Amino acid sequence: MAENSETPSISMVPAIYRLVAGFLHAGVAIFLWNFFSYDNLWEILLVKPPSGAYILIGMFSLGFVPVLYSITQKSISPVLLVSVLLTVSAYSR
């Protein structure tokens, strides 16, 4: 008699949502950075790679982390969390 072992199916949808949110936020942040800032982000990456990488990771994280939180905590929308994190990061500069 064969053992009926059902493996739980792991949905990749939440992971895709988090990655898409992170990349979308980074794209919007890069556009706004280059539009409103005196320094071009790509020039910062060429001149100071650690600083540029830090900025890019922060831009990605500000989209990724709120969606991660909203999916794991079953909250309705991460918009408020993204807004607060973006405001804090802008004024802490």
N, C-alpha and C. Protein backbone atom coordinates (compact mmCIF):
# COMPACT_ATOMS: atom_id res chain seq x y z
N MET A 1 0.83 -1.16 0.00
CA MET A 1 0.00 0.00 0.00
C MET A 1 0.89 1.25 0.00
N ALA A 2 0.67 2.08 -0.96
CA ALA A 2 1.48 3.29 -1.08
C ALA A 2 1.01 4.34 -0.09
N GLU A 3 1.97 5.02 0.41
CA GLU A 3 1.66 6.06 1.38
C GLU A 3 1.22 7.32 0.63
N ASN A 4 0.08 7.85 1.01
CA ASN A 4 -0.41 9.07 0.37
C ASN A 4 0.20 10.27 1.07
N SER A 5 1.27 10.74 0.52
CA SER A 5 1.90 11.91 1.12
C SER A 5 1.63 13.10 0.22
N GLU A 6 0.84 13.98 0.75
CA GLU A 6 0.53 15.19 0.00
C GLU A 6 1.50 16.28 0.41
N THR A 7 2.17 16.82 -0.57
CA THR A 7 3.06 17.94 -0.27
C THR A 7 2.28 19.22 -0.45
N PRO A 8 2.37 20.10 0.51
CA PRO A 8 1.63 21.35 0.38
C PRO A 8 2.19 22.16 -0.79
N SER A 9 1.29 22.68 -1.57
CA SER A 9 1.73 23.48 -2.71
C SER A 9 2.08 24.88 -2.22
N ILE A 10 3.24 25.31 -2.57
CA ILE A 10 3.72 26.63 -2.17
C ILE A 10 3.46 27.58 -3.32
N SER A 11 2.69 28.59 -3.04
CA SER A 11 2.35 29.55 -4.08
C SER A 11 3.48 30.56 -4.25
N MET A 12 3.82 30.81 -5.48
CA MET A 12 4.87 31.79 -5.77
C MET A 12 4.30 33.19 -5.94
N VAL A 13 2.98 33.32 -5.88
CA VAL A 13 2.35 34.62 -6.12
C VAL A 13 2.79 35.68 -5.11
N PRO A 14 2.80 35.39 -3.79
CA PRO A 14 3.27 36.43 -2.86
C PRO A 14 4.71 36.87 -3.12
N ALA A 15 5.57 35.93 -3.47
CA ALA A 15 6.96 36.29 -3.76
C ALA A 15 7.04 37.16 -5.00
N ILE A 16 6.24 36.83 -5.99
CA ILE A 16 6.23 37.65 -7.21
C ILE A 16 5.71 39.05 -6.90
N TYR A 17 4.66 39.16 -6.09
CA TYR A 17 4.15 40.47 -5.71
C TYR A 17 5.22 41.31 -5.01
N ARG A 18 5.95 40.69 -4.11
CA ARG A 18 7.00 41.42 -3.38
C ARG A 18 8.08 41.90 -4.32
N LEU A 19 8.52 41.03 -5.21
CA LEU A 19 9.58 41.42 -6.15
C LEU A 19 9.11 42.51 -7.09
N VAL A 20 7.90 42.37 -7.61
CA VAL A 20 7.37 43.39 -8.52
C VAL A 20 7.24 44.73 -7.79
N ALA A 21 6.73 44.69 -6.57
CA ALA A 21 6.59 45.94 -5.80
C ALA A 21 7.95 46.57 -5.53
N GLY A 22 8.94 45.74 -5.22
CA GLY A 22 10.28 46.28 -4.98
C GLY A 22 10.86 46.93 -6.22
N PHE A 23 10.74 46.25 -7.37
CA PHE A 23 11.28 46.81 -8.60
C PHE A 23 10.50 48.03 -9.07
N LEU A 24 9.16 48.01 -8.92
CA LEU A 24 8.38 49.19 -9.31
C LEU A 24 8.74 50.40 -8.45
N HIS A 25 8.86 50.17 -7.15
CA HIS A 25 9.22 51.27 -6.27
C HIS A 25 10.61 51.80 -6.61
N ALA A 26 11.54 50.90 -6.85
CA ALA A 26 12.89 51.32 -7.22
C ALA A 26 12.87 52.11 -8.53
N GLY A 27 12.09 51.67 -9.50
CA GLY A 27 12.01 52.38 -10.78
C GLY A 27 11.44 53.78 -10.61
N VAL A 28 10.37 53.90 -9.84
CA VAL A 28 9.79 55.22 -9.60
C VAL A 28 10.77 56.10 -8.83
N ALA A 29 11.42 55.53 -7.82
CA ALA A 29 12.37 56.29 -7.02
C ALA A 29 13.57 56.74 -7.86
N ILE A 30 14.05 55.88 -8.76
CA ILE A 30 15.17 56.26 -9.63
C ILE A 30 14.76 57.39 -10.55
N PHE A 31 13.56 57.28 -11.12
CA PHE A 31 13.07 58.36 -11.99
C PHE A 31 12.98 59.68 -11.23
N LEU A 32 12.39 59.64 -10.04
CA LEU A 32 12.25 60.88 -9.25
C LEU A 32 13.61 61.39 -8.80
N TRP A 33 14.52 60.49 -8.44
CA TRP A 33 15.86 60.89 -8.04
C TRP A 33 16.55 61.64 -9.18
N ASN A 34 16.53 61.06 -10.37
CA ASN A 34 17.20 61.69 -11.51
C ASN A 34 16.50 62.96 -11.97
N PHE A 35 15.19 63.05 -11.76
CA PHE A 35 14.44 64.22 -12.20
C PHE A 35 14.62 65.40 -11.25
N PHE A 36 14.61 65.13 -9.95
CA PHE A 36 14.65 66.22 -8.96
C PHE A 36 16.02 66.46 -8.34
N SER A 37 16.94 65.53 -8.45
CA SER A 37 18.23 65.65 -7.79
C SER A 37 19.26 66.24 -8.74
N TYR A 38 20.28 66.85 -8.14
CA TYR A 38 21.38 67.39 -8.94
C TYR A 38 22.32 66.27 -9.40
N ASP A 39 22.38 65.21 -8.63
CA ASP A 39 23.27 64.09 -8.95
C ASP A 39 22.49 63.01 -9.69
N ASN A 40 23.06 62.54 -10.78
CA ASN A 40 22.47 61.42 -11.51
C ASN A 40 22.86 60.14 -10.78
N LEU A 41 21.89 59.27 -10.55
CA LEU A 41 22.14 58.05 -9.80
C LEU A 41 23.17 57.17 -10.49
N TRP A 42 23.16 57.12 -11.81
CA TRP A 42 24.11 56.28 -12.54
C TRP A 42 25.53 56.81 -12.38
N GLU A 43 25.68 58.13 -12.29
CA GLU A 43 27.01 58.70 -12.04
C GLU A 43 27.49 58.35 -10.64
N ILE A 44 26.57 58.35 -9.67
CA ILE A 44 26.94 57.97 -8.31
C ILE A 44 27.41 56.51 -8.29
N LEU A 45 26.72 55.65 -9.05
CA LEU A 45 27.13 54.24 -9.12
C LEU A 45 28.53 54.09 -9.71
N LEU A 46 28.87 54.94 -10.67
CA LEU A 46 30.20 54.85 -11.29
C LEU A 46 31.29 55.42 -10.39
N VAL A 47 30.98 56.53 -9.71
CA VAL A 47 31.99 57.21 -8.89
C VAL A 47 32.12 56.55 -7.52
N LYS A 48 30.99 56.28 -6.88
CA LYS A 48 30.98 55.69 -5.54
C LYS A 48 30.07 54.46 -5.54
N PRO A 49 30.57 53.32 -6.00
CA PRO A 49 29.71 52.13 -6.08
C PRO A 49 29.05 51.71 -4.77
N PRO A 50 29.74 51.77 -3.62
CA PRO A 50 29.05 51.37 -2.38
C PRO A 50 27.87 52.29 -2.03
N SER A 51 28.05 53.59 -2.24
CA SER A 51 26.96 54.53 -1.96
C SER A 51 25.80 54.32 -2.91
N GLY A 52 26.10 54.12 -4.18
CA GLY A 52 25.04 53.88 -5.15
C GLY A 52 24.30 52.59 -4.88
N ALA A 53 25.03 51.55 -4.51
CA ALA A 53 24.39 50.27 -4.18
C ALA A 53 23.51 50.41 -2.94
N TYR A 54 23.97 51.15 -1.96
CA TYR A 54 23.19 51.40 -0.74
C TYR A 54 21.88 52.10 -1.08
N ILE A 55 21.94 53.09 -1.96
CA ILE A 55 20.75 53.83 -2.37
C ILE A 55 19.79 52.91 -3.13
N LEU A 56 20.32 52.11 -4.07
CA LEU A 56 19.46 51.21 -4.84
C LEU A 56 18.81 50.14 -3.97
N ILE A 57 19.56 49.60 -3.03
CA ILE A 57 18.99 48.60 -2.12
C ILE A 57 17.88 49.22 -1.27
N GLY A 58 18.10 50.45 -0.84
CA GLY A 58 17.07 51.16 -0.08
C GLY A 58 15.82 51.41 -0.90
N MET A 59 16.00 51.79 -2.15
CA MET A 59 14.85 52.03 -3.03
C MET A 59 14.05 50.74 -3.24
N PHE A 60 14.74 49.63 -3.44
CA PHE A 60 14.07 48.34 -3.62
C PHE A 60 13.37 47.92 -2.33
N SER A 61 14.06 48.09 -1.21
CA SER A 61 13.51 47.66 0.08
C SER A 61 12.26 48.42 0.47
N LEU A 62 12.19 49.70 0.11
CA LEU A 62 11.00 50.48 0.46
C LEU A 62 9.76 50.01 -0.30
N GLY A 63 9.93 49.25 -1.34
CA GLY A 63 8.78 48.64 -2.00
C GLY A 63 8.57 47.20 -1.57
N PHE A 64 9.66 46.49 -1.33
CA PHE A 64 9.61 45.06 -1.01
C PHE A 64 9.09 44.80 0.40
N VAL A 65 9.63 45.50 1.37
CA VAL A 65 9.31 45.24 2.78
C VAL A 65 7.83 45.51 3.11
N PRO A 66 7.25 46.64 2.69
CA PRO A 66 5.82 46.83 3.01
C PRO A 66 4.91 45.77 2.40
N VAL A 67 5.21 45.33 1.19
CA VAL A 67 4.38 44.29 0.58
C VAL A 67 4.59 42.97 1.32
N LEU A 68 5.82 42.68 1.70
CA LEU A 68 6.09 41.49 2.51
C LEU A 68 5.27 41.54 3.80
N TYR A 69 5.27 42.67 4.46
CA TYR A 69 4.52 42.84 5.70
C TYR A 69 3.02 42.70 5.45
N SER A 70 2.53 43.33 4.40
CA SER A 70 1.09 43.29 4.16
C SER A 70 0.61 41.89 3.80
N ILE A 71 1.46 41.09 3.12
CA ILE A 71 1.06 39.73 2.78
C ILE A 71 1.11 38.83 4.01
N THR A 72 2.15 38.96 4.83
CA THR A 72 2.27 38.08 5.99
C THR A 72 1.29 38.45 7.10
N GLN A 73 0.94 39.73 7.22
CA GLN A 73 0.03 40.17 8.27
C GLN A 73 -1.41 40.28 7.79
N LYS A 74 -1.65 39.95 6.53
CA LYS A 74 -2.99 39.99 5.93
C LYS A 74 -3.61 41.39 6.02
N SER A 75 -2.79 42.42 5.88
CA SER A 75 -3.32 43.77 5.88
C SER A 75 -3.86 44.10 4.49
N ILE A 76 -4.67 45.11 4.42
CA ILE A 76 -5.36 45.42 3.17
C ILE A 76 -4.44 46.10 2.17
N SER A 77 -3.73 47.12 2.61
CA SER A 77 -2.91 47.87 1.67
C SER A 77 -1.64 48.37 2.36
N PRO A 78 -0.51 48.24 1.69
CA PRO A 78 0.73 48.73 2.29
C PRO A 78 1.01 50.20 1.97
N VAL A 79 0.03 50.91 1.42
CA VAL A 79 0.27 52.29 0.97
C VAL A 79 0.71 53.18 2.13
N LEU A 80 0.05 53.07 3.26
CA LEU A 80 0.41 53.90 4.41
C LEU A 80 1.82 53.58 4.89
N LEU A 81 2.16 52.32 4.95
CA LEU A 81 3.50 51.92 5.38
C LEU A 81 4.57 52.41 4.40
N VAL A 82 4.31 52.30 3.11
CA VAL A 82 5.25 52.80 2.11
C VAL A 82 5.41 54.29 2.24
N SER A 83 4.31 55.01 2.43
CA SER A 83 4.36 56.46 2.56
C SER A 83 5.18 56.89 3.77
N VAL A 84 4.96 56.23 4.89
CA VAL A 84 5.70 56.56 6.11
C VAL A 84 7.19 56.27 5.92
N LEU A 85 7.52 55.09 5.38
CA LEU A 85 8.93 54.74 5.19
C LEU A 85 9.61 55.69 4.19
N LEU A 86 8.91 56.05 3.13
CA LEU A 86 9.49 56.96 2.15
C LEU A 86 9.70 58.35 2.75
N THR A 87 8.75 58.82 3.54
CA THR A 87 8.89 60.13 4.19
C THR A 87 10.04 60.12 5.19
N VAL A 88 10.14 59.08 5.98
CA VAL A 88 11.23 58.98 6.95
C VAL A 88 12.58 58.93 6.22
N SER A 89 12.65 58.16 5.15
CA SER A 89 13.93 58.07 4.43
C SER A 89 14.29 59.38 3.74
N ALA A 90 13.30 60.11 3.28
CA ALA A 90 13.58 61.39 2.61
C ALA A 90 14.07 62.44 3.60
N TYR A 91 13.46 62.48 4.78
CA TYR A 91 13.83 63.51 5.75
C TYR A 91 15.00 63.11 6.65
N SER A 92 15.42 61.86 6.59
CA SER A 92 16.57 61.45 7.39
C SER A 92 17.86 61.62 6.63
N ARG A 93 17.77 62.05 5.42
CA ARG A 93 18.94 62.23 4.55
C ARG A 93 19.77 63.39 4.95
